[in-house]
Amino acid sequence: MLLLSSGLAVAQPVSVAAAQRAVDAGDPVSALEITKVLLSTQPENAAALLIQSTAHLMLGDLEVGEQELDRALQLDPALRQGWLNRAALSMAASDYPAALAAFEQARQLDPGADDNHLNLGATRLLMGDLDAAAQDFERYLQRSAGNSEAFYLVATNYAMGGYAAFALRHLHQAIKLDERSRRRARRDPNFVSLEDHPRFQDLMNTDIYVLSSDSHRAARVFKGAYDGGRGVLLQSVLDALYGLREPFDPNVEVTENWALIWGRYRIKLRQDLEGGVVELTAPQSAFTATEWEQETKRLFDSVFVQIPKRL
């Protein structure tokens, strides 16, 4: 069966999967059109009702969305996503005991889900039960060993809960596993309360990246100054990368003492007594020795050309 969308005049399949795709694509209106047809013939289709609830919540129809969510869970208590949604609504209403109960229902439905102990820990932290929350977070991290994102999420929860020491310890580990976490934390409103903390400032201003002993390395000093990112060096390097069509992450991390650019190789800019320094590093497996020599010469030569333009 097909549904003709009145707004776009495009035929859409009528199924729970199609409705879910619409929600995932951020199109709650289309999702409602699909679930309306489904529920007209299957009024007790709990999965369709859950998606319809989500669409209403996305549109700001909180009362309707909550009523439909509760109805969906009555029809099918095994809808794990429904319990997660129920917990989220309870968290938004600061009803933490209800949120904890809903997250516990979700855990029972899928004991192996990675997010179980993160959700439970976050809720217990808001309830003021630090010891229980810490145990949940440790269980979560044990399942995500070596995962920077996991440590970062735990750090944000501790920061929001006002536990600075715990937050900073886990943020440090997240940065060790992926240094881009530092740039992310710098812009994250969850860490606003820690901005003046000496340890947080130290984390934000210290490059703790550990280079493997067999990595490719190259460096060159240029007359253009770094000057906290305000000098010509940073913009000249960016001009060179654009000119060479060298792919790189546009989210550059800039501090008073150094800047980092990530692409096929890591680029660090800093100042020394002789001038602005451009350091390039990459894992040994990324380039052969010949390729590395060619790549570094290509970029250094381009930066040398760009600096006089900026001066």
C-alpha atoms as a PDB file:
ATOM      1  CA  MET A   1       0.000   0.000   0.000  1.00  0.00           C
ATOM      2  CA  LEU A   2       1.247   3.482  -0.838  1.00  0.00           C
ATOM      3  CA  LEU A   3       0.539   6.818   0.778  1.00  0.00           C
ATOM      4  CA  LEU A   4       0.438   9.984  -1.308  1.00  0.00           C
ATOM      5  CA  SER A   5       2.006  12.836   0.614  1.00  0.00           C
ATOM      6  CA  SER A   6      -0.226  15.883   0.225  1.00  0.00           C
ATOM      7  CA  GLY A   7       2.674  18.268   0.724  1.00  0.00           C
ATOM      8  CA  LEU A   8       5.185  16.719  -1.639  1.00  0.00           C
ATOM      9  CA  ALA A   9       2.968  14.602  -3.863  1.00  0.00           C
ATOM     10  CA  VAL A  10       5.442  11.763  -3.507  1.00  0.00           C
ATOM     11  CA  ALA A  11       4.298   8.183  -2.995  1.00  0.00           C
ATOM     12  CA  GLN A  12       5.586   6.702   0.241  1.00  0.00           C
ATOM     13  CA  PRO A  13       5.319   3.108   1.482  1.00  0.00           C
ATOM     14  CA  VAL A  14       3.003   2.688   4.457  1.00  0.00           C
ATOM     15  CA  SER A  15       4.910   0.669   7.035  1.00  0.00           C
ATOM     16  CA  VAL A  16       6.378   1.045  10.473  1.00  0.00           C
ATOM     17  CA  ALA A  17       9.845   1.049   8.909  1.00  0.00           C
ATOM     18  CA  ALA A  18       8.895   3.907   6.574  1.00  0.00           C
ATOM     19  CA  ALA A  19       7.500   5.910   9.483  1.00  0.00           C
ATOM     20  CA  GLN A  20      10.692   5.311  11.465  1.00  0.00           C
ATOM     21  CA  ARG A  21      12.805   6.460   8.516  1.00  0.00           C
ATOM     22  CA  ALA A  22      10.798   9.671   8.376  1.00  0.00           C
ATOM     23  CA  VAL A  23      11.394  10.304  12.087  1.00  0.00           C
ATOM     24  CA  ASP A  24      15.097   9.494  11.732  1.00  0.00           C
ATOM     25  CA  ALA A  25      15.288  11.964   8.835  1.00  0.00           C
ATOM     26  CA  GLY A  26      13.767  14.695  11.009  1.00  0.00           C
ATOM     27  CA  ASP A  27      10.449  14.698   9.137  1.00  0.00           C
ATOM     28  CA  PRO A  28       7.740  14.205  11.784  1.00  0.00           C
ATOM     29  CA  VAL A  29       4.969  15.453   9.484  1.00  0.00           C
ATOM     30  CA  SER A  30       5.538  12.632   7.004  1.00  0.00           C
ATOM     31  CA  ALA A  31       5.827  10.177   9.880  1.00  0.00           C
ATOM     32  CA  LEU A  32       2.401  11.256  11.154  1.00  0.00           C
ATOM     33  CA  GLU A  33       0.886  10.822   7.693  1.00  0.00           C
ATOM     34  CA  ILE A  34       2.171   7.259   7.558  1.00  0.00           C
ATOM     35  CA  THR A  35       1.196   6.285  11.113  1.00  0.00           C
ATOM     36  CA  LYS A  36      -2.275   7.774  10.598  1.00  0.00           C
ATOM     37  CA  VAL A  37      -2.903   5.296   7.791  1.00  0.00           C
ATOM     38  CA  LEU A  38      -1.392   2.412   9.742  1.00  0.00           C
ATOM     39  CA  LEU A  39      -3.397   3.083  12.897  1.00  0.00           C
ATOM     40  CA  SER A  40      -6.627   3.543  10.982  1.00  0.00           C
ATOM     41  CA  THR A  41      -6.571  -0.176  10.203  1.00  0.00           C
ATOM     42  CA  GLN A  42      -4.366  -1.370  13.097  1.00  0.00           C
ATOM     43  CA  PRO A  43      -5.361   0.788  16.105  1.00  0.00           C
ATOM     44  CA  GLU A  44      -3.366  -1.390  18.505  1.00  0.00           C
ATOM     45  CA  ASN A  45      -0.127  -1.344  16.532  1.00  0.00           C
ATOM     46  CA  ALA A  46       2.141  -0.344  19.419  1.00  0.00           C
ATOM     47  CA  ALA A  47       5.203   0.232  17.243  1.00  0.00           C
ATOM     48  CA  ALA A  48       3.277   2.643  15.009  1.00  0.00           C
ATOM     49  CA  LEU A  49       1.846   4.401  18.048  1.00  0.00           C
ATOM     50  CA  LEU A  50       5.334   4.797  19.513  1.00  0.00           C
ATOM     51  CA  ILE A  51       6.568   6.438  16.318  1.00  0.00           C
ATOM     52  CA  GLN A  52       3.493   8.667  16.215  1.00  0.00           C
ATOM     53  CA  SER A  53       4.229   9.680  19.792  1.00  0.00           C
ATOM     54  CA  THR A  54       7.808  10.549  18.854  1.00  0.00           C
ATOM     55  CA  ALA A  55       6.605  12.633  15.902  1.00  0.00           C
ATOM     56  CA  HIS A  56       4.227  14.602  18.140  1.00  0.00           C
ATOM     57  CA  LEU A  57       7.019  15.195  20.652  1.00  0.00           C
ATOM     58  CA  MET A  58       9.287  16.443  17.858  1.00  0.00           C
ATOM     59  CA  LEU A  59       6.565  18.899  16.831  1.00  0.00           C
ATOM     60  CA  GLY A  60       6.175  20.149  20.391  1.00  0.00           C
ATOM     61  CA  ASP A  61       2.845  18.423  21.060  1.00  0.00           C
ATOM     62  CA  LEU A  62       4.086  17.166  24.413  1.00  0.00           C
ATOM     63  CA  GLU A  63       0.775  16.241  26.003  1.00  0.00           C
ATOM     64  CA  VAL A  64      -0.415  14.225  23.000  1.00  0.00           C
ATOM     65  CA  GLY A  65       3.003  12.637  22.538  1.00  0.00           C
ATOM     66  CA  GLU A  66       3.198  11.573  26.175  1.00  0.00           C
ATOM     67  CA  GLN A  67      -0.304  10.095  26.143  1.00  0.00           C
ATOM     68  CA  GLU A  68       0.464   8.104  23.007  1.00  0.00           C
ATOM     69  CA  LEU A  69       3.765   6.918  24.480  1.00  0.00           C
ATOM     70  CA  ASP A  70       2.052   5.583  27.588  1.00  0.00           C
ATOM     71  CA  ARG A  71      -0.585   3.897  25.428  1.00  0.00           C
ATOM     72  CA  ALA A  72       2.100   2.243  23.285  1.00  0.00           C
ATOM     73  CA  LEU A  73       3.813   0.868  26.407  1.00  0.00           C
ATOM     74  CA  GLN A  74       0.500  -0.451  27.700  1.00  0.00           C
ATOM     75  CA  LEU A  75      -0.021  -2.278  24.433  1.00  0.00           C
ATOM     76  CA  ASP A  76       3.526  -3.615  24.285  1.00  0.00           C
ATOM     77  CA  PRO A  77       5.709  -3.314  27.414  1.00  0.00           C
ATOM     78  CA  ALA A  78       8.582  -4.874  25.455  1.00  0.00           C
ATOM     79  CA  LEU A  79       9.210  -1.675  23.447  1.00  0.00           C
ATOM     80  CA  ARG A  80      12.644  -0.773  24.796  1.00  0.00           C
ATOM     81  CA  GLN A  81      12.767   2.517  22.891  1.00  0.00           C
ATOM     82  CA  GLY A  82       9.456   3.412  24.481  1.00  0.00           C
ATOM     83  CA  TRP A  83      10.942   3.049  27.959  1.00  0.00           C
ATOM     84  CA  LEU A  84      13.921   5.154  26.918  1.00  0.00           C
ATOM     85  CA  ASN A  85      11.522   7.839  25.686  1.00  0.00           C
ATOM     86  CA  ARG A  86       9.523   7.551  28.888  1.00  0.00           C
ATOM     87  CA  ALA A  87      12.708   8.006  30.905  1.00  0.00           C
ATOM     88  CA  ALA A  88      13.699  11.054  28.869  1.00  0.00           C
ATOM     89  CA  LEU A  89      10.342  12.719  29.544  1.00  0.00           C
ATOM     90  CA  SER A  90      10.655  11.974  33.243  1.00  0.00           C
ATOM     91  CA  MET A  91      14.185  13.389  33.273  1.00  0.00           C
ATOM     92  CA  ALA A  92      12.933  16.562  31.590  1.00  0.00           C
ATOM     93  CA  ALA A  93      10.301  16.871  34.319  1.00  0.00           C
ATOM     94  CA  SER A  94      12.972  16.277  37.019  1.00  0.00           C
ATOM     95  CA  ASP A  95      11.120  13.136  38.100  1.00  0.00           C
ATOM     96  CA  TYR A  96      14.299  11.125  38.571  1.00  0.00           C
ATOM     97  CA  PRO A  97      12.787   8.128  40.403  1.00  0.00           C
ATOM     98  CA  ALA A  98      10.372   7.602  37.491  1.00  0.00           C
ATOM     99  CA  ALA A  99      13.245   7.995  35.016  1.00  0.00           C
ATOM    100  CA  LEU A 100      15.316   5.460  36.934  1.00  0.00           C
ATOM    101  CA  ALA A 101      12.436   2.969  36.873  1.00  0.00           C
ATOM    102  CA  ALA A 102      12.011   3.438  33.106  1.00  0.00           C
ATOM    103  CA  PHE A 103      15.727   3.019  32.432  1.00  0.00           C
ATOM    104  CA  GLU A 104      15.671  -0.117  34.567  1.00  0.00           C
ATOM    105  CA  GLN A 105      12.839  -1.491  32.409  1.00  0.00           C
ATOM    106  CA  ALA A 106      14.943  -0.781  29.322  1.00  0.00           C
ATOM    107  CA  ARG A 107      17.912  -2.580  30.902  1.00  0.00           C
ATOM    108  CA  GLN A 108      15.840  -5.646  31.670  1.00  0.00           C
ATOM    109  CA  LEU A 109      14.629  -5.798  28.062  1.00  0.00           C
ATOM    110  CA  ASP A 110      18.206  -5.737  26.740  1.00  0.00           C
ATOM    111  CA  PRO A 111      20.748  -6.416  29.508  1.00  0.00           C
ATOM    112  CA  GLY A 112      23.616  -6.242  27.030  1.00  0.00           C
ATOM    113  CA  ALA A 113      22.871  -2.789  25.611  1.00  0.00           C
ATOM    114  CA  ASP A 114      25.870  -0.487  25.871  1.00  0.00           C
ATOM    115  CA  ASP A 115      23.867   2.513  27.102  1.00  0.00           C
ATOM    116  CA  ASN A 116      22.235   0.799  30.098  1.00  0.00           C
ATOM    117  CA  HIS A 117      24.715   1.727  32.787  1.00  0.00           C
ATOM    118  CA  LEU A 118      25.389   5.172  31.334  1.00  0.00           C
ATOM    119  CA  ASN A 119      21.682   6.016  31.600  1.00  0.00           C
ATOM    120  CA  LEU A 120      21.337   4.544  35.070  1.00  0.00           C
ATOM    121  CA  GLY A 121      24.484   6.285  36.280  1.00  0.00           C
ATOM    122  CA  ALA A 122      23.397   9.666  34.939  1.00  0.00           C
ATOM    123  CA  THR A 123      20.045   9.359  36.685  1.00  0.00           C
ATOM    124  CA  ARG A 124      21.504   8.212  39.989  1.00  0.00           C
ATOM    125  CA  LEU A 125      23.968  11.097  39.858  1.00  0.00           C
ATOM    126  CA  LEU A 126      21.083  13.569  39.545  1.00  0.00           C
ATOM    127  CA  MET A 127      19.435  11.835  42.492  1.00  0.00           C
ATOM    128  CA  GLY A 128      22.564  12.505  44.544  1.00  0.00           C
ATOM    129  CA  ASP A 129      23.659   8.874  44.807  1.00  0.00           C
ATOM    130  CA  LEU A 130      27.306   9.335  43.806  1.00  0.00           C
ATOM    131  CA  ASP A 131      28.533   5.887  44.878  1.00  0.00           C
ATOM    132  CA  ALA A 132      25.881   4.008  42.889  1.00  0.00           C
ATOM    133  CA  ALA A 133      26.343   6.316  39.912  1.00  0.00           C
ATOM    134  CA  ALA A 134      30.115   5.766  39.939  1.00  0.00           C
ATOM    135  CA  GLN A 135      29.586   1.998  39.932  1.00  0.00           C
ATOM    136  CA  ASP A 136      27.261   2.271  36.930  1.00  0.00           C
ATOM    137  CA  PHE A 137      29.720   4.489  35.066  1.00  0.00           C
ATOM    138  CA  GLU A 138      32.555   2.045  35.736  1.00  0.00           C
ATOM    139  CA  ARG A 139      30.466  -0.814  34.358  1.00  0.00           C
ATOM    140  CA  TYR A 140      29.729   1.296  31.290  1.00  0.00           C
ATOM    141  CA  LEU A 141      33.412   2.094  30.774  1.00  0.00           C
ATOM    142  CA  GLN A 142      34.423  -1.539  31.207  1.00  0.00           C
ATOM    143  CA  ARG A 143      32.231  -2.358  28.209  1.00  0.00           C
ATOM    144  CA  SER A 144      33.800   0.504  26.239  1.00  0.00           C
ATOM    145  CA  ALA A 145      37.484   0.123  27.037  1.00  0.00           C
ATOM    146  CA  GLY A 146      39.629   2.387  24.878  1.00  0.00           C
ATOM    147  CA  ASN A 147      36.602   4.387  23.681  1.00  0.00           C
ATOM    148  CA  SER A 148      37.173   8.128  23.975  1.00  0.00           C
ATOM    149  CA  GLU A 149      33.491   8.898  23.453  1.00  0.00           C
ATOM    150  CA  ALA A 150      32.535   6.755  26.463  1.00  0.00           C
ATOM    151  CA  PHE A 151      34.933   8.592  28.788  1.00  0.00           C
ATOM    152  CA  TYR A 152      33.771  11.920  27.374  1.00  0.00           C
ATOM    153  CA  LEU A 153      30.101  11.147  28.072  1.00  0.00           C
ATOM    154  CA  VAL A 154      30.877  10.114  31.629  1.00  0.00           C
ATOM    155  CA  ALA A 155      32.883  13.316  32.080  1.00  0.00           C
ATOM    156  CA  THR A 156      29.952  15.450  30.901  1.00  0.00           C
ATOM    157  CA  ASN A 157      27.631  13.744  33.360  1.00  0.00           C
ATOM    158  CA  TYR A 158      29.977  14.368  36.256  1.00  0.00           C
ATOM    159  CA  ALA A 159      30.419  17.988  35.139  1.00  0.00           C
ATOM    160  CA  MET A 160      26.670  18.575  34.968  1.00  0.00           C
ATOM    161  CA  GLY A 161      26.329  17.001  38.398  1.00  0.00           C
ATOM    162  CA  GLY A 162      28.936  19.369  39.848  1.00  0.00           C
ATOM    163  CA  TYR A 163      31.597  16.729  40.498  1.00  0.00           C
ATOM    164  CA  ALA A 164      34.614  18.550  39.074  1.00  0.00           C
ATOM    165  CA  ALA A 165      37.351  16.111  40.088  1.00  0.00           C
ATOM    166  CA  PHE A 166      35.527  13.119  38.602  1.00  0.00           C
ATOM    167  CA  ALA A 167      34.675  15.083  35.449  1.00  0.00           C
ATOM    168  CA  LEU A 168      38.243  16.229  34.861  1.00  0.00           C
ATOM    169  CA  ARG A 169      39.731  12.792  35.457  1.00  0.00           C
ATOM    170  CA  HIS A 170      37.478  11.218  32.846  1.00  0.00           C
ATOM    171  CA  LEU A 171      37.906  14.126  30.437  1.00  0.00           C
ATOM    172  CA  HIS A 172      41.675  13.691  30.669  1.00  0.00           C
ATOM    173  CA  GLN A 173      41.308  10.037  29.693  1.00  0.00           C
ATOM    174  CA  ALA A 174      39.006  10.957  26.794  1.00  0.00           C
ATOM    175  CA  ILE A 175      41.623  13.391  25.484  1.00  0.00           C
ATOM    176  CA  LYS A 176      44.395  10.801  25.832  1.00  0.00           C
ATOM    177  CA  LEU A 177      42.370   8.425  23.672  1.00  0.00           C
ATOM    178  CA  ASP A 178      41.367  11.084  21.116  1.00  0.00           C
ATOM    179  CA  GLU A 179      42.874  14.539  21.373  1.00  0.00           C
ATOM    180  CA  ARG A 180      39.984  16.070  19.443  1.00  0.00           C
ATOM    181  CA  SER A 181      37.945  15.613  22.606  1.00  0.00           C
ATOM    182  CA  ARG A 182      39.830  18.615  23.973  1.00  0.00           C
ATOM    183  CA  ARG A 183      38.568  20.863  21.182  1.00  0.00           C
ATOM    184  CA  ARG A 184      35.061  19.497  21.700  1.00  0.00           C
ATOM    185  CA  ALA A 185      35.170  20.149  25.451  1.00  0.00           C
ATOM    186  CA  ARG A 186      36.337  23.696  24.842  1.00  0.00           C
ATOM    187  CA  ARG A 187      32.989  24.422  23.143  1.00  0.00           C
ATOM    188  CA  ASP A 188      30.754  22.170  25.227  1.00  0.00           C
ATOM    189  CA  PRO A 189      28.258  24.039  27.461  1.00  0.00           C
ATOM    190  CA  ASN A 190      28.322  21.078  29.849  1.00  0.00           C
ATOM    191  CA  PHE A 191      31.804  22.178  30.934  1.00  0.00           C
ATOM    192  CA  VAL A 192      31.021  25.879  31.412  1.00  0.00           C
ATOM    193  CA  SER A 193      31.078  25.462  35.187  1.00  0.00           C
ATOM    194  CA  LEU A 194      34.682  24.218  34.953  1.00  0.00           C
ATOM    195  CA  GLU A 195      36.077  26.929  32.686  1.00  0.00           C
ATOM    196  CA  ASP A 196      37.880  28.688  35.544  1.00  0.00           C
ATOM    197  CA  HIS A 197      39.125  25.488  37.150  1.00  0.00           C
ATOM    198  CA  PRO A 198      42.953  25.362  36.962  1.00  0.00           C
ATOM    199  CA  ARG A 199      42.945  21.692  36.002  1.00  0.00           C
ATOM    200  CA  PHE A 200      40.454  22.304  33.181  1.00  0.00           C
ATOM    201  CA  GLN A 201      42.534  25.207  31.886  1.00  0.00           C
ATOM    202  CA  ASP A 202      45.619  23.015  32.035  1.00  0.00           C
ATOM    203  CA  LEU A 203      43.851  20.296  30.018  1.00  0.00           C
ATOM    204  CA  MET A 204      42.715  22.819  27.419  1.00  0.00           C
ATOM    205  CA  ASN A 205      46.141  24.384  26.985  1.00  0.00           C
ATOM    206  CA  THR A 206      48.416  21.332  27.096  1.00  0.00           C
ATOM    207  CA  ASP A 207      49.193  19.127  24.116  1.00  0.00           C
ATOM    208  CA  ILE A 208      49.411  15.647  25.671  1.00  0.00           C
ATOM    209  CA  TYR A 209      49.592  13.788  22.359  1.00  0.00           C
ATOM    210  CA  VAL A 210      52.121  10.946  22.496  1.00  0.00           C
ATOM    211  CA  LEU A 211      53.780  10.230  19.172  1.00  0.00           C
ATOM    212  CA  SER A 212      54.744   6.675  18.345  1.00  0.00           C
ATOM    213  CA  SER A 213      58.498   6.202  18.072  1.00  0.00           C
ATOM    214  CA  ASP A 214      58.235   4.939  14.489  1.00  0.00           C
ATOM    215  CA  SER A 215      55.987   7.746  13.231  1.00  0.00           C
ATOM    216  CA  HIS A 216      56.850   9.950  10.279  1.00  0.00           C
ATOM    217  CA  ARG A 217      58.010  13.411  11.372  1.00  0.00           C
ATOM    218  CA  ALA A 218      58.995  16.600   9.615  1.00  0.00           C
ATOM    219  CA  ALA A 219      59.279  20.237  10.688  1.00  0.00           C
ATOM    220  CA  ARG A 220      60.246  23.567   9.157  1.00  0.00           C
ATOM    221  CA  VAL A 221      60.659  27.075  10.560  1.00  0.00           C
ATOM    222  CA  PHE A 222      59.137  30.006   8.666  1.00  0.00           C
ATOM    223  CA  LYS A 223      59.500  33.764   9.018  1.00  0.00           C
ATOM    224  CA  GLY A 224      55.755  34.142   9.518  1.00  0.00           C
ATOM    225  CA  ALA A 225      54.816  34.358  13.200  1.00  0.00           C
ATOM    226  CA  TYR A 226      52.293  32.169  14.983  1.00  0.00           C
ATOM    227  CA  ASP A 227      51.405  34.824  17.562  1.00  0.00           C
ATOM    228  CA  GLY A 228      48.601  32.912  19.272  1.00  0.00           C
ATOM    229  CA  GLY A 229      46.989  32.100  15.945  1.00  0.00           C
ATOM    230  CA  ARG A 230      46.731  35.793  15.076  1.00  0.00           C
ATOM    231  CA  GLY A 231      49.932  35.868  13.019  1.00  0.00           C
ATOM    232  CA  VAL A 232      50.288  34.983   9.353  1.00  0.00           C
ATOM    233  CA  LEU A 233      51.469  31.410   9.933  1.00  0.00           C
ATOM    234  CA  LEU A 234      48.088  29.802  10.643  1.00  0.00           C
ATOM    235  CA  GLN A 235      46.277  31.428   7.752  1.00  0.00           C
ATOM    236  CA  SER A 236      49.192  30.718   5.410  1.00  0.00           C
ATOM    237  CA  VAL A 237      49.074  27.020   6.260  1.00  0.00           C
ATOM    238  CA  LEU A 238      45.312  26.965   5.694  1.00  0.00           C
ATOM    239  CA  ASP A 239      45.784  28.782   2.372  1.00  0.00           C
ATOM    240  CA  ALA A 240      48.364  26.176   1.381  1.00  0.00           C
ATOM    241  CA  LEU A 241      46.055  23.285   2.260  1.00  0.00           C
ATOM    242  CA  TYR A 242      43.193  24.798   0.301  1.00  0.00           C
ATOM    243  CA  GLY A 243      45.458  25.541  -2.646  1.00  0.00           C
ATOM    244  CA  LEU A 244      46.778  21.984  -2.711  1.00  0.00           C
ATOM    245  CA  ARG A 245      43.246  20.606  -2.252  1.00  0.00           C
ATOM    246  CA  GLU A 246      44.566  18.677   0.691  1.00  0.00           C
ATOM    247  CA  PRO A 247      41.636  17.364   2.787  1.00  0.00           C
ATOM    248  CA  PHE A 248      41.587  18.403   6.435  1.00  0.00           C
ATOM    249  CA  ASP A 249      39.202  18.870   9.319  1.00  0.00           C
ATOM    250  CA  PRO A 250      37.988  22.493   9.170  1.00  0.00           C
ATOM    251  CA  ASN A 251      37.566  22.499  12.961  1.00  0.00           C
ATOM    252  CA  VAL A 252      41.032  23.752  13.800  1.00  0.00           C
ATOM    253  CA  GLU A 253      42.066  23.856  17.452  1.00  0.00           C
ATOM    254  CA  VAL A 254      43.771  27.140  18.294  1.00  0.00           C
ATOM    255  CA  THR A 255      45.393  28.066  21.613  1.00  0.00           C
ATOM    256  CA  GLU A 256      47.729  30.860  22.608  1.00  0.00           C
ATOM    257  CA  ASN A 257      50.789  28.597  22.279  1.00  0.00           C
ATOM    258  CA  TRP A 258      49.890  26.188  19.473  1.00  0.00           C
ATOM    259  CA  ALA A 259      47.303  25.153  16.899  1.00  0.00           C
ATOM    260  CA  LEU A 260      46.384  21.722  15.552  1.00  0.00           C
ATOM    261  CA  ILE A 261      45.023  20.773  12.133  1.00  0.00           C
ATOM    262  CA  TRP A 262      44.002  17.191  11.381  1.00  0.00           C
ATOM    263  CA  GLY A 263      43.955  15.589   7.964  1.00  0.00           C
ATOM    264  CA  ARG A 264      45.930  12.807   6.351  1.00  0.00           C
ATOM    265  CA  TYR A 265      48.653  13.931   8.720  1.00  0.00           C
ATOM    266  CA  ARG A 266      48.702  15.915  11.946  1.00  0.00           C
ATOM    267  CA  ILE A 267      49.848  19.521  11.641  1.00  0.00           C
ATOM    268  CA  LYS A 268      51.002  21.440  14.688  1.00  0.00           C
ATOM    269  CA  LEU A 269      51.857  25.137  14.559  1.00  0.00           C
ATOM    270  CA  ARG A 270      53.830  26.927  17.251  1.00  0.00           C
ATOM    271  CA  GLN A 271      56.366  29.661  17.801  1.00  0.00           C
ATOM    272  CA  ASP A 272      60.037  29.407  18.694  1.00  0.00           C
ATOM    273  CA  LEU A 273      62.887  31.919  18.800  1.00  0.00           C
ATOM    274  CA  GLU A 274      63.641  31.524  15.096  1.00  0.00           C
ATOM    275  CA  GLY A 275      60.065  31.936  13.825  1.00  0.00           C
ATOM    276  CA  GLY A 276      56.838  30.052  13.248  1.00  0.00           C
ATOM    277  CA  VAL A 277      57.214  26.277  13.280  1.00  0.00           C
ATOM    278  CA  VAL A 278      55.131  23.847  11.233  1.00  0.00           C
ATOM    279  CA  GLU A 279      55.409  20.242  12.412  1.00  0.00           C
ATOM    280  CA  LEU A 280      53.937  17.343  10.449  1.00  0.00           C
ATOM    281  CA  THR A 281      53.490  13.828  11.816  1.00  0.00           C
ATOM    282  CA  ALA A 282      51.736  10.680  10.639  1.00  0.00           C
ATOM    283  CA  PRO A 283      51.656   6.958  11.480  1.00  0.00           C
ATOM    284  CA  GLN A 284      54.313   4.970   9.676  1.00  0.00           C
ATOM    285  CA  SER A 285      51.616   2.936   7.920  1.00  0.00           C
ATOM    286  CA  ALA A 286      50.045   6.039   6.369  1.00  0.00           C
ATOM    287  CA  PHE A 287      52.906   6.784   3.936  1.00  0.00           C
ATOM    288  CA  THR A 288      55.991   5.168   2.526  1.00  0.00           C
ATOM    289  CA  ALA A 289      59.227   7.022   3.180  1.00  0.00           C
ATOM    290  CA  THR A 290      59.224   8.387  -0.378  1.00  0.00           C
ATOM    291  CA  GLU A 291      55.588   9.477  -0.179  1.00  0.00           C
ATOM    292  CA  TRP A 292      56.211  11.216   3.130  1.00  0.00           C
ATOM    293  CA  GLU A 293      59.163  13.146   1.737  1.00  0.00           C
ATOM    294  CA  GLN A 294      57.066  14.232  -1.260  1.00  0.00           C
ATOM    295  CA  GLU A 295      54.030  15.195   0.817  1.00  0.00           C
ATOM    296  CA  THR A 296      55.952  17.266   3.351  1.00  0.00           C
ATOM    297  CA  LYS A 297      57.961  19.064   0.688  1.00  0.00           C
ATOM    298  CA  ARG A 298      54.767  19.866  -1.206  1.00  0.00           C
ATOM    299  CA  LEU A 299      53.135  21.459   1.823  1.00  0.00           C
ATOM    300  CA  PHE A 300      56.212  23.255   3.112  1.00  0.00           C
ATOM    301  CA  ASP A 301      56.904  24.753  -0.321  1.00  0.00           C
ATOM    302  CA  SER A 302      53.312  25.939  -0.571  1.00  0.00           C
ATOM    303  CA  VAL A 303      53.405  27.543   2.888  1.00  0.00           C
ATOM    304  CA  PHE A 304      56.658  29.289   1.908  1.00  0.00           C
ATOM    305  CA  VAL A 305      54.849  30.791  -1.095  1.00  0.00           C
ATOM    306  CA  GLN A 306      51.737  31.787   0.884  1.00  0.00           C
ATOM    307  CA  ILE A 307      53.453  33.614   3.767  1.00  0.00           C
ATOM    308  CA  PRO A 308      54.679  36.628   1.725  1.00  0.00           C
ATOM    309  CA  LYS A 309      51.123  37.073   0.421  1.00  0.00           C
ATOM    310  CA  ARG A 310      49.830  37.341   3.955  1.00  0.00           C
ATOM    311  CA  LEU A 311      52.669  39.598   5.065  1.00  0.00           C
END
